[in-house]
Amino acid sequence: VKADANCGKVSDGNAKTRTYVVGEGGALANTVVYIKKGLEGKTFPAPSTKPEIDQKGCMYYPYVAAVMVNQKFDVKNSDPFMHNVNATPKVNKGFNFAQASQGQVNEKVFDKPELGIRFACNVHPWMIAYVSVMENPFFFVTDEKGTFSIKGDIPDGKYTLEAFHQKAGAVTQEIEIKGGKATADFAFDVKS
């Protein structure tokens, strides 16, 4: 990052890979946890909240994000020079546009479920982020402590919960929600 004249001026100097961010006790950040099965036939409106993916200090923040199908989100350039946003989904329609000025915001939306859509800046090739598009509102991206809490009005019953990590893959677990609560822990085999 510092080798680039522009990025070196705005970087906090802490740029490093974010593929495996591991916390205390081996907790894994940047993992999308969601209800994969058990809600078939139910429809959910897209939330009116608008998440933001920001380009700041020549890095994407957050590194991993999740939105619902048809939920609008903003892509912002907080840096005082140009970035571009190249989203390369396999199921949804991709896009590739320039953000030439600081503060520029472009609103986007995906209309189909898809895990791990890659976002990249072709001007600064180390700038990568991933966005997952979910069918229902019951999802969460783990924090640096590897914890998650899926909130919402989920009826009691049996569900398949999946944890998806961009590099480690996906693991599933059957859970039963009783009284609006359930707990789950996931373990991944590390892949290099």
C-alpha atoms as a PDB file:
ATOM      1  CA  VAL A   1       0.000   0.000   0.000  1.00  0.00           C
ATOM      2  CA  LYS A   2       2.748   2.449   0.945  1.00  0.00           C
ATOM      3  CA  ALA A   3       4.540   1.849  -2.378  1.00  0.00           C
ATOM      4  CA  ASP A   4       1.668   3.616  -4.184  1.00  0.00           C
ATOM      5  CA  ALA A   5       2.199   7.403  -3.947  1.00  0.00           C
ATOM      6  CA  ASN A   6      -1.468   8.210  -3.288  1.00  0.00           C
ATOM      7  CA  CYS A   7      -2.226   5.271  -1.026  1.00  0.00           C
ATOM      8  CA  GLY A   8       0.911   5.821   1.032  1.00  0.00           C
ATOM      9  CA  LYS A   9      -0.451   9.236   2.042  1.00  0.00           C
ATOM     10  CA  VAL A  10      -3.842   7.955   3.270  1.00  0.00           C
ATOM     11  CA  SER A  11      -2.960   4.479   4.593  1.00  0.00           C
ATOM     12  CA  ASP A  12      -2.764   3.960   8.325  1.00  0.00           C
ATOM     13  CA  GLY A  13       0.229   1.679   7.683  1.00  0.00           C
ATOM     14  CA  ASN A  14      -1.560  -1.391   9.034  1.00  0.00           C
ATOM     15  CA  ALA A  15      -2.654  -2.906   5.727  1.00  0.00           C
ATOM     16  CA  LYS A  16      -2.387  -6.686   5.811  1.00  0.00           C
ATOM     17  CA  THR A  17      -4.237  -9.682   4.506  1.00  0.00           C
ATOM     18  CA  ARG A  18      -7.697 -10.133   5.968  1.00  0.00           C
ATOM     19  CA  THR A  19      -8.356 -13.626   4.646  1.00  0.00           C
ATOM     20  CA  TYR A  20      -7.922 -15.298   8.035  1.00  0.00           C
ATOM     21  CA  VAL A  21      -8.559 -12.936  10.922  1.00  0.00           C
ATOM     22  CA  VAL A  22      -8.322 -15.160  13.958  1.00  0.00           C
ATOM     23  CA  GLY A  23      -9.156 -13.992  17.450  1.00  0.00           C
ATOM     24  CA  GLU A  24      -8.749 -15.447  20.900  1.00  0.00           C
ATOM     25  CA  GLY A  25      -9.327 -19.191  21.090  1.00  0.00           C
ATOM     26  CA  GLY A  26      -9.158 -19.573  17.304  1.00  0.00           C
ATOM     27  CA  ALA A  27     -12.317 -17.537  16.655  1.00  0.00           C
ATOM     28  CA  LEU A  28     -12.721 -16.691  12.964  1.00  0.00           C
ATOM     29  CA  ALA A  29     -13.875 -13.263  11.779  1.00  0.00           C
ATOM     30  CA  ASN A  30     -15.424 -12.395   8.410  1.00  0.00           C
ATOM     31  CA  THR A  31     -17.650 -15.479   8.286  1.00  0.00           C
ATOM     32  CA  VAL A  32     -21.246 -15.196   7.076  1.00  0.00           C
ATOM     33  CA  VAL A  33     -23.585 -17.208   9.323  1.00  0.00           C
ATOM     34  CA  TYR A  34     -27.156 -17.630   8.084  1.00  0.00           C
ATOM     35  CA  ILE A  35     -30.250 -19.808   8.096  1.00  0.00           C
ATOM     36  CA  LYS A  36     -29.872 -21.915   4.977  1.00  0.00           C
ATOM     37  CA  LYS A  37     -32.871 -24.251   5.313  1.00  0.00           C
ATOM     38  CA  GLY A  38     -36.120 -24.218   7.225  1.00  0.00           C
ATOM     39  CA  LEU A  39     -37.720 -21.074   5.824  1.00  0.00           C
ATOM     40  CA  GLU A  40     -38.680 -22.411   2.378  1.00  0.00           C
ATOM     41  CA  GLY A  41     -41.862 -20.895   0.978  1.00  0.00           C
ATOM     42  CA  LYS A  42     -41.637 -17.803   3.160  1.00  0.00           C
ATOM     43  CA  THR A  43     -40.925 -14.394   1.679  1.00  0.00           C
ATOM     44  CA  PHE A  44     -39.211 -11.508   3.368  1.00  0.00           C
ATOM     45  CA  PRO A  45     -39.165  -7.881   2.242  1.00  0.00           C
ATOM     46  CA  ALA A  46     -35.774  -6.283   1.729  1.00  0.00           C
ATOM     47  CA  PRO A  47     -34.821  -4.059   4.685  1.00  0.00           C
ATOM     48  CA  SER A  48     -34.962  -0.311   4.179  1.00  0.00           C
ATOM     49  CA  THR A  49     -31.578   0.113   5.886  1.00  0.00           C
ATOM     50  CA  LYS A  50     -28.741   0.739   3.463  1.00  0.00           C
ATOM     51  CA  PRO A  51     -25.358  -0.811   4.318  1.00  0.00           C
ATOM     52  CA  GLU A  52     -22.227   0.932   3.089  1.00  0.00           C
ATOM     53  CA  ILE A  53     -19.065  -0.464   1.548  1.00  0.00           C
ATOM     54  CA  ASP A  54     -16.356   2.171   1.828  1.00  0.00           C
ATOM     55  CA  GLN A  55     -12.979   2.585   0.119  1.00  0.00           C
ATOM     56  CA  LYS A  56     -10.826   4.222   2.743  1.00  0.00           C
ATOM     57  CA  GLY A  57      -7.050   4.282   3.079  1.00  0.00           C
ATOM     58  CA  CYS A  58      -6.889   2.142  -0.079  1.00  0.00           C
ATOM     59  CA  MET A  59      -8.788  -0.714   1.559  1.00  0.00           C
ATOM     60  CA  TYR A  60     -12.417  -1.843   1.403  1.00  0.00           C
ATOM     61  CA  TYR A  61     -14.409  -1.647   4.639  1.00  0.00           C
ATOM     62  CA  PRO A  62     -15.939  -3.914   5.619  1.00  0.00           C
ATOM     63  CA  TYR A  63     -13.910  -6.724   4.110  1.00  0.00           C
ATOM     64  CA  VAL A  64     -16.951  -9.031   4.240  1.00  0.00           C
ATOM     65  CA  ALA A  65     -20.526  -7.765   4.112  1.00  0.00           C
ATOM     66  CA  ALA A  66     -23.957  -9.295   3.616  1.00  0.00           C
ATOM     67  CA  VAL A  67     -27.184  -7.849   2.277  1.00  0.00           C
ATOM     68  CA  MET A  68     -30.578  -9.285   1.432  1.00  0.00           C
ATOM     69  CA  VAL A  69     -31.868  -9.860  -2.076  1.00  0.00           C
ATOM     70  CA  ASN A  70     -33.137  -6.487  -3.400  1.00  0.00           C
ATOM     71  CA  GLN A  71     -31.657  -4.561  -0.457  1.00  0.00           C
ATOM     72  CA  LYS A  72     -30.016  -1.370  -1.669  1.00  0.00           C
ATOM     73  CA  PHE A  73     -26.471  -0.659  -0.503  1.00  0.00           C
ATOM     74  CA  ASP A  74     -24.021   2.177  -1.069  1.00  0.00           C
ATOM     75  CA  VAL A  75     -20.470   1.969  -2.355  1.00  0.00           C
ATOM     76  CA  LYS A  76     -18.445   5.005  -1.277  1.00  0.00           C
ATOM     77  CA  ASN A  77     -15.010   6.424  -2.045  1.00  0.00           C
ATOM     78  CA  SER A  78     -13.616   8.190   1.023  1.00  0.00           C
ATOM     79  CA  ASP A  79     -10.160   8.648  -0.510  1.00  0.00           C
ATOM     80  CA  PRO A  80      -9.153  11.898  -2.280  1.00  0.00           C
ATOM     81  CA  PHE A  81      -8.329  10.105  -5.556  1.00  0.00           C
ATOM     82  CA  MET A  82      -9.879   7.624  -7.957  1.00  0.00           C
ATOM     83  CA  HIS A  83     -10.836   4.028  -7.263  1.00  0.00           C
ATOM     84  CA  ASN A  84     -12.968   1.764  -9.349  1.00  0.00           C
ATOM     85  CA  VAL A  85     -15.445  -0.850  -8.195  1.00  0.00           C
ATOM     86  CA  ASN A  86     -15.436  -4.101 -10.138  1.00  0.00           C
ATOM     87  CA  ALA A  87     -18.014  -6.599  -8.802  1.00  0.00           C
ATOM     88  CA  THR A  88     -17.770 -10.029 -10.446  1.00  0.00           C
ATOM     89  CA  PRO A  89     -20.699 -12.201  -9.367  1.00  0.00           C
ATOM     90  CA  LYS A  90     -21.454 -15.571 -10.932  1.00  0.00           C
ATOM     91  CA  VAL A  91     -25.266 -15.388 -10.586  1.00  0.00           C
ATOM     92  CA  ASN A  92     -26.106 -11.674 -10.349  1.00  0.00           C
ATOM     93  CA  LYS A  93     -25.334  -8.973 -12.886  1.00  0.00           C
ATOM     94  CA  GLY A  94     -21.852  -7.551 -12.347  1.00  0.00           C
ATOM     95  CA  PHE A  95     -20.730  -3.954 -12.572  1.00  0.00           C
ATOM     96  CA  ASN A  96     -17.520  -2.009 -13.020  1.00  0.00           C
ATOM     97  CA  PHE A  97     -17.487   1.754 -12.510  1.00  0.00           C
ATOM     98  CA  ALA A  98     -15.066   4.502 -11.537  1.00  0.00           C
ATOM     99  CA  GLN A  99     -15.376   6.602  -8.426  1.00  0.00           C
ATOM    100  CA  ALA A 100     -13.263   9.585  -9.378  1.00  0.00           C
ATOM    101  CA  SER A 101     -13.896  11.927  -6.478  1.00  0.00           C
ATOM    102  CA  GLN A 102     -13.753  11.814  -2.706  1.00  0.00           C
ATOM    103  CA  GLY A 103     -17.175  11.314  -1.186  1.00  0.00           C
ATOM    104  CA  GLN A 104     -18.712   9.812  -4.329  1.00  0.00           C
ATOM    105  CA  VAL A 105     -21.465   7.298  -3.494  1.00  0.00           C
ATOM    106  CA  ASN A 106     -23.113   4.862  -5.891  1.00  0.00           C
ATOM    107  CA  GLU A 107     -26.212   2.908  -4.913  1.00  0.00           C
ATOM    108  CA  LYS A 108     -26.345  -0.746  -5.973  1.00  0.00           C
ATOM    109  CA  VAL A 109     -28.563  -3.802  -5.508  1.00  0.00           C
ATOM    110  CA  PHE A 110     -28.405  -7.531  -6.293  1.00  0.00           C
ATOM    111  CA  ASP A 111     -31.588  -9.433  -7.135  1.00  0.00           C
ATOM    112  CA  LYS A 112     -30.531 -13.061  -6.573  1.00  0.00           C
ATOM    113  CA  PRO A 113     -28.990 -14.922  -3.631  1.00  0.00           C
ATOM    114  CA  GLU A 114     -25.238 -15.500  -3.968  1.00  0.00           C
ATOM    115  CA  LEU A 115     -22.374 -16.084  -1.564  1.00  0.00           C
ATOM    116  CA  GLY A 116     -19.065 -14.234  -1.732  1.00  0.00           C
ATOM    117  CA  ILE A 117     -19.355 -11.781  -4.620  1.00  0.00           C
ATOM    118  CA  ARG A 118     -15.858 -10.406  -5.166  1.00  0.00           C
ATOM    119  CA  PHE A 119     -15.358  -6.638  -5.245  1.00  0.00           C
ATOM    120  CA  ALA A 120     -11.998  -5.335  -6.474  1.00  0.00           C
ATOM    121  CA  CYS A 121     -10.367  -2.064  -7.400  1.00  0.00           C
ATOM    122  CA  ASN A 122      -8.502  -2.442 -10.691  1.00  0.00           C
ATOM    123  CA  VAL A 123      -6.434   0.668  -9.899  1.00  0.00           C
ATOM    124  CA  HIS A 124      -5.167  -0.829  -6.615  1.00  0.00           C
ATOM    125  CA  PRO A 125      -5.222  -4.629  -7.040  1.00  0.00           C
ATOM    126  CA  TRP A 126      -4.812  -5.452  -3.334  1.00  0.00           C
ATOM    127  CA  MET A 127      -8.189  -3.830  -2.618  1.00  0.00           C
ATOM    128  CA  ILE A 128     -10.614  -6.755  -2.299  1.00  0.00           C
ATOM    129  CA  ALA A 129     -13.928  -7.243  -0.475  1.00  0.00           C
ATOM    130  CA  TYR A 130     -16.735  -9.780  -0.558  1.00  0.00           C
ATOM    131  CA  VAL A 131     -20.494  -9.318  -0.426  1.00  0.00           C
ATOM    132  CA  SER A 132     -22.987 -12.137   0.136  1.00  0.00           C
ATOM    133  CA  VAL A 133     -26.627 -11.774  -0.906  1.00  0.00           C
ATOM    134  CA  MET A 134     -29.080 -13.597   1.341  1.00  0.00           C
ATOM    135  CA  GLU A 135     -32.651 -14.867   0.798  1.00  0.00           C
ATOM    136  CA  ASN A 136     -33.833 -14.051   4.318  1.00  0.00           C
ATOM    137  CA  PRO A 137     -32.950 -11.494   6.992  1.00  0.00           C
ATOM    138  CA  PHE A 138     -31.498 -14.071   9.383  1.00  0.00           C
ATOM    139  CA  PHE A 139     -27.759 -13.678   8.847  1.00  0.00           C
ATOM    140  CA  PHE A 140     -24.719 -12.150  10.520  1.00  0.00           C
ATOM    141  CA  VAL A 141     -21.050 -11.566   9.658  1.00  0.00           C
ATOM    142  CA  THR A 142     -18.800 -12.649  12.524  1.00  0.00           C
ATOM    143  CA  ASP A 143     -16.764  -9.967  14.228  1.00  0.00           C
ATOM    144  CA  GLU A 144     -13.070 -10.076  15.174  1.00  0.00           C
ATOM    145  CA  LYS A 145     -13.969 -12.223  18.192  1.00  0.00           C
ATOM    146  CA  GLY A 146     -15.647 -14.740  15.878  1.00  0.00           C
ATOM    147  CA  THR A 147     -19.013 -14.231  17.526  1.00  0.00           C
ATOM    148  CA  PHE A 148     -22.396 -13.880  15.899  1.00  0.00           C
ATOM    149  CA  SER A 149     -25.964 -13.255  16.938  1.00  0.00           C
ATOM    150  CA  ILE A 150     -28.800 -13.635  14.466  1.00  0.00           C
ATOM    151  CA  LYS A 151     -31.676 -11.456  15.537  1.00  0.00           C
ATOM    152  CA  GLY A 152     -35.257 -11.336  14.397  1.00  0.00           C
ATOM    153  CA  ASP A 153     -38.574 -13.083  14.784  1.00  0.00           C
ATOM    154  CA  ILE A 154     -37.616 -16.646  13.897  1.00  0.00           C
ATOM    155  CA  PRO A 155     -40.372 -19.155  14.656  1.00  0.00           C
ATOM    156  CA  ASP A 156     -39.488 -22.085  16.908  1.00  0.00           C
ATOM    157  CA  GLY A 157     -38.478 -25.103  14.871  1.00  0.00           C
ATOM    158  CA  LYS A 158     -35.608 -26.964  13.225  1.00  0.00           C
ATOM    159  CA  TYR A 159     -33.265 -25.182  10.838  1.00  0.00           C
ATOM    160  CA  THR A 160     -30.003 -25.679   9.001  1.00  0.00           C
ATOM    161  CA  LEU A 161     -27.500 -22.987   9.899  1.00  0.00           C
ATOM    162  CA  GLU A 162     -24.505 -22.452   7.605  1.00  0.00           C
ATOM    163  CA  ALA A 163     -21.237 -20.658   8.251  1.00  0.00           C
ATOM    164  CA  PHE A 164     -19.529 -19.549   5.028  1.00  0.00           C
ATOM    165  CA  HIS A 165     -15.950 -18.291   4.963  1.00  0.00           C
ATOM    166  CA  GLN A 166     -14.405 -17.113   1.697  1.00  0.00           C
ATOM    167  CA  LYS A 167     -11.311 -19.312   2.029  1.00  0.00           C
ATOM    168  CA  ALA A 168     -12.221 -21.978   4.614  1.00  0.00           C
ATOM    169  CA  GLY A 169     -15.461 -22.953   2.855  1.00  0.00           C
ATOM    170  CA  ALA A 170     -18.820 -23.757   4.383  1.00  0.00           C
ATOM    171  CA  VAL A 171     -19.970 -25.881   7.295  1.00  0.00           C
ATOM    172  CA  THR A 172     -23.548 -26.555   8.318  1.00  0.00           C
ATOM    173  CA  GLN A 173     -25.218 -27.462  11.550  1.00  0.00           C
ATOM    174  CA  GLU A 174     -28.744 -28.483  12.430  1.00  0.00           C
ATOM    175  CA  ILE A 175     -30.229 -26.321  15.165  1.00  0.00           C
ATOM    176  CA  GLU A 176     -33.530 -26.207  16.984  1.00  0.00           C
ATOM    177  CA  ILE A 177     -34.911 -22.869  18.069  1.00  0.00           C
ATOM    178  CA  LYS A 178     -36.965 -23.034  21.243  1.00  0.00           C
ATOM    179  CA  GLY A 179     -38.377 -19.943  22.893  1.00  0.00           C
ATOM    180  CA  GLY A 180     -36.652 -17.827  20.253  1.00  0.00           C
ATOM    181  CA  LYS A 181     -33.165 -19.072  21.205  1.00  0.00           C
ATOM    182  CA  ALA A 182     -30.533 -21.532  20.044  1.00  0.00           C
ATOM    183  CA  THR A 183     -26.755 -21.771  20.181  1.00  0.00           C
ATOM    184  CA  ALA A 184     -24.259 -23.021  17.633  1.00  0.00           C
ATOM    185  CA  ASP A 185     -20.500 -23.355  17.270  1.00  0.00           C
ATOM    186  CA  PHE A 186     -18.650 -24.026  14.042  1.00  0.00           C
ATOM    187  CA  ALA A 187     -15.179 -25.393  13.327  1.00  0.00           C
ATOM    188  CA  PHE A 188     -13.353 -25.081  10.002  1.00  0.00           C
ATOM    189  CA  ASP A 189     -10.461 -27.030   8.552  1.00  0.00           C
ATOM    190  CA  VAL A 190      -7.870 -24.406   7.597  1.00  0.00           C
ATOM    191  CA  LYS A 191      -7.077 -24.289   3.890  1.00  0.00           C
ATOM    192  CA  SER A 192      -4.031 -22.456   2.612  1.00  0.00           C
END
